[in-house]
């Protein structure tokens, strides 16, 4: 298990109540949320760096990336037909 550090976080009472409805492991839930935010931040920084070096992504590049991430409608309809 990774090393941990105990911290205190202040959240609105309403958020804490909803959080406790979602999970019995509040620390784990919050740790996963923080890790996800860090990944999003690092990815955004990397995409900015890439665009600074190579220019903005084209519509074709964005469509290809979206298809690779989410799959294409064409491949889904072919799979459903089989």
C-alpha atoms as a PDB file:
ATOM      1  CA  UNK A   1       0.000   0.000   0.000  1.00  0.00           C
ATOM      2  CA  UNK A   2       1.182   3.523  -0.760  1.00  0.00           C
ATOM      3  CA  UNK A   3       2.355   5.736   2.060  1.00  0.00           C
ATOM      4  CA  UNK A   4      -0.387   7.988   3.388  1.00  0.00           C
ATOM      5  CA  UNK A   5      -0.573  11.288   5.224  1.00  0.00           C
ATOM      6  CA  UNK A   6      -3.504  12.281   7.395  1.00  0.00           C
ATOM      7  CA  UNK A   7      -4.911  15.728   6.593  1.00  0.00           C
ATOM      8  CA  UNK A   8      -8.006  17.681   7.513  1.00  0.00           C
ATOM      9  CA  UNK A   9     -10.335  18.816   4.756  1.00  0.00           C
ATOM     10  CA  UNK A  10     -13.281  21.156   5.224  1.00  0.00           C
ATOM     11  CA  UNK A  11     -16.316  20.465   3.045  1.00  0.00           C
ATOM     12  CA  UNK A  12     -19.846  21.844   3.033  1.00  0.00           C
ATOM     13  CA  UNK A  13     -22.126  19.748   5.274  1.00  0.00           C
ATOM     14  CA  UNK A  14     -24.415  18.929   2.341  1.00  0.00           C
ATOM     15  CA  UNK A  15     -21.512  17.439   0.397  1.00  0.00           C
ATOM     16  CA  UNK A  16     -20.432  15.336   3.362  1.00  0.00           C
ATOM     17  CA  UNK A  17     -23.973  14.008   3.801  1.00  0.00           C
ATOM     18  CA  UNK A  18     -24.197  13.046   0.114  1.00  0.00           C
ATOM     19  CA  UNK A  19     -20.708  11.544   0.216  1.00  0.00           C
ATOM     20  CA  UNK A  20     -21.634   9.327   3.153  1.00  0.00           C
ATOM     21  CA  UNK A  21     -24.669   8.104   1.184  1.00  0.00           C
ATOM     22  CA  UNK A  22     -22.336   7.046  -1.630  1.00  0.00           C
ATOM     23  CA  UNK A  23     -19.625   5.277   0.331  1.00  0.00           C
ATOM     24  CA  UNK A  24     -18.518   3.973   3.694  1.00  0.00           C
ATOM     25  CA  UNK A  25     -14.918   4.762   2.742  1.00  0.00           C
ATOM     26  CA  UNK A  26     -14.855   8.562   2.533  1.00  0.00           C
ATOM     27  CA  UNK A  27     -11.042   8.711   2.552  1.00  0.00           C
ATOM     28  CA  UNK A  28     -10.771   6.246  -0.332  1.00  0.00           C
ATOM     29  CA  UNK A  29     -13.453   8.070  -2.301  1.00  0.00           C
ATOM     30  CA  UNK A  30     -11.740  11.422  -1.830  1.00  0.00           C
ATOM     31  CA  UNK A  31      -8.315   9.922  -2.644  1.00  0.00           C
ATOM     32  CA  UNK A  32      -9.699   8.535  -5.931  1.00  0.00           C
ATOM     33  CA  UNK A  33     -11.269  11.910  -6.771  1.00  0.00           C
ATOM     34  CA  UNK A  34      -7.978  13.713  -6.095  1.00  0.00           C
ATOM     35  CA  UNK A  35      -6.031  11.197  -8.196  1.00  0.00           C
ATOM     36  CA  UNK A  36      -8.509  11.681 -11.064  1.00  0.00           C
ATOM     37  CA  UNK A  37      -8.134  15.487 -10.865  1.00  0.00           C
ATOM     38  CA  UNK A  38      -4.347  15.175 -10.883  1.00  0.00           C
ATOM     39  CA  UNK A  39      -4.484  12.935 -13.989  1.00  0.00           C
ATOM     40  CA  UNK A  40      -6.787  15.421 -15.739  1.00  0.00           C
ATOM     41  CA  UNK A  41      -4.460  18.304 -14.850  1.00  0.00           C
ATOM     42  CA  UNK A  42      -1.362  16.450 -16.094  1.00  0.00           C
ATOM     43  CA  UNK A  43      -3.107  15.443 -19.318  1.00  0.00           C
ATOM     44  CA  UNK A  44      -4.259  19.021 -19.937  1.00  0.00           C
ATOM     45  CA  UNK A  45      -0.707  20.264 -19.405  1.00  0.00           C
ATOM     46  CA  UNK A  46       0.660  17.654 -21.824  1.00  0.00           C
ATOM     47  CA  UNK A  47      -1.935  18.557 -24.462  1.00  0.00           C
ATOM     48  CA  UNK A  48      -1.061  22.262 -24.092  1.00  0.00           C
ATOM     49  CA  UNK A  49       2.639  21.446 -24.456  1.00  0.00           C
ATOM     50  CA  UNK A  50       1.949  19.365 -27.569  1.00  0.00           C
ATOM     51  CA  UNK A  51      -0.125  22.145 -29.146  1.00  0.00           C
ATOM     52  CA  UNK A  52       2.558  24.719 -28.307  1.00  0.00           C
ATOM     53  CA  UNK A  53       5.116  22.595 -30.147  1.00  0.00           C
ATOM     54  CA  UNK A  54       2.991  21.294 -33.042  1.00  0.00           C
ATOM     55  CA  UNK A  55       0.046  23.660 -33.401  1.00  0.00           C
ATOM     56  CA  UNK A  56      -3.607  23.123 -32.592  1.00  0.00           C
ATOM     57  CA  UNK A  57      -5.173  19.734 -33.172  1.00  0.00           C
ATOM     58  CA  UNK A  58      -7.081  19.472 -36.445  1.00  0.00           C
ATOM     59  CA  UNK A  59     -10.733  18.411 -36.573  1.00  0.00           C
ATOM     60  CA  UNK A  60      -9.576  15.122 -38.111  1.00  0.00           C
ATOM     61  CA  UNK A  61      -7.114  14.480 -35.272  1.00  0.00           C
ATOM     62  CA  UNK A  62      -9.796  15.249 -32.685  1.00  0.00           C
ATOM     63  CA  UNK A  63     -12.292  12.941 -34.423  1.00  0.00           C
ATOM     64  CA  UNK A  64      -9.713  10.141 -34.568  1.00  0.00           C
ATOM     65  CA  UNK A  65      -8.900  10.572 -30.884  1.00  0.00           C
ATOM     66  CA  UNK A  66     -12.584  10.596 -29.939  1.00  0.00           C
ATOM     67  CA  UNK A  67     -13.161   7.443 -31.976  1.00  0.00           C
ATOM     68  CA  UNK A  68     -10.227   5.679 -30.291  1.00  0.00           C
ATOM     69  CA  UNK A  69     -11.379   6.707 -26.827  1.00  0.00           C
ATOM     70  CA  UNK A  70     -15.123   6.222 -27.151  1.00  0.00           C
ATOM     71  CA  UNK A  71     -15.364   3.965 -30.191  1.00  0.00           C
ATOM     72  CA  UNK A  72     -17.028   4.944 -33.415  1.00  0.00           C
ATOM     73  CA  UNK A  73     -20.735   4.717 -34.126  1.00  0.00           C
ATOM     74  CA  UNK A  74     -19.933   2.699 -37.249  1.00  0.00           C
ATOM     75  CA  UNK A  75     -18.041  -0.011 -35.337  1.00  0.00           C
ATOM     76  CA  UNK A  76     -20.789  -0.155 -32.686  1.00  0.00           C
ATOM     77  CA  UNK A  77     -23.554  -0.627 -35.265  1.00  0.00           C
ATOM     78  CA  UNK A  78     -21.490  -3.350 -36.979  1.00  0.00           C
ATOM     79  CA  UNK A  79     -21.029  -5.125 -33.658  1.00  0.00           C
ATOM     80  CA  UNK A  80     -24.753  -4.889 -32.894  1.00  0.00           C
ATOM     81  CA  UNK A  81     -25.622  -6.365 -36.287  1.00  0.00           C
ATOM     82  CA  UNK A  82     -23.447  -9.457 -35.670  1.00  0.00           C
END
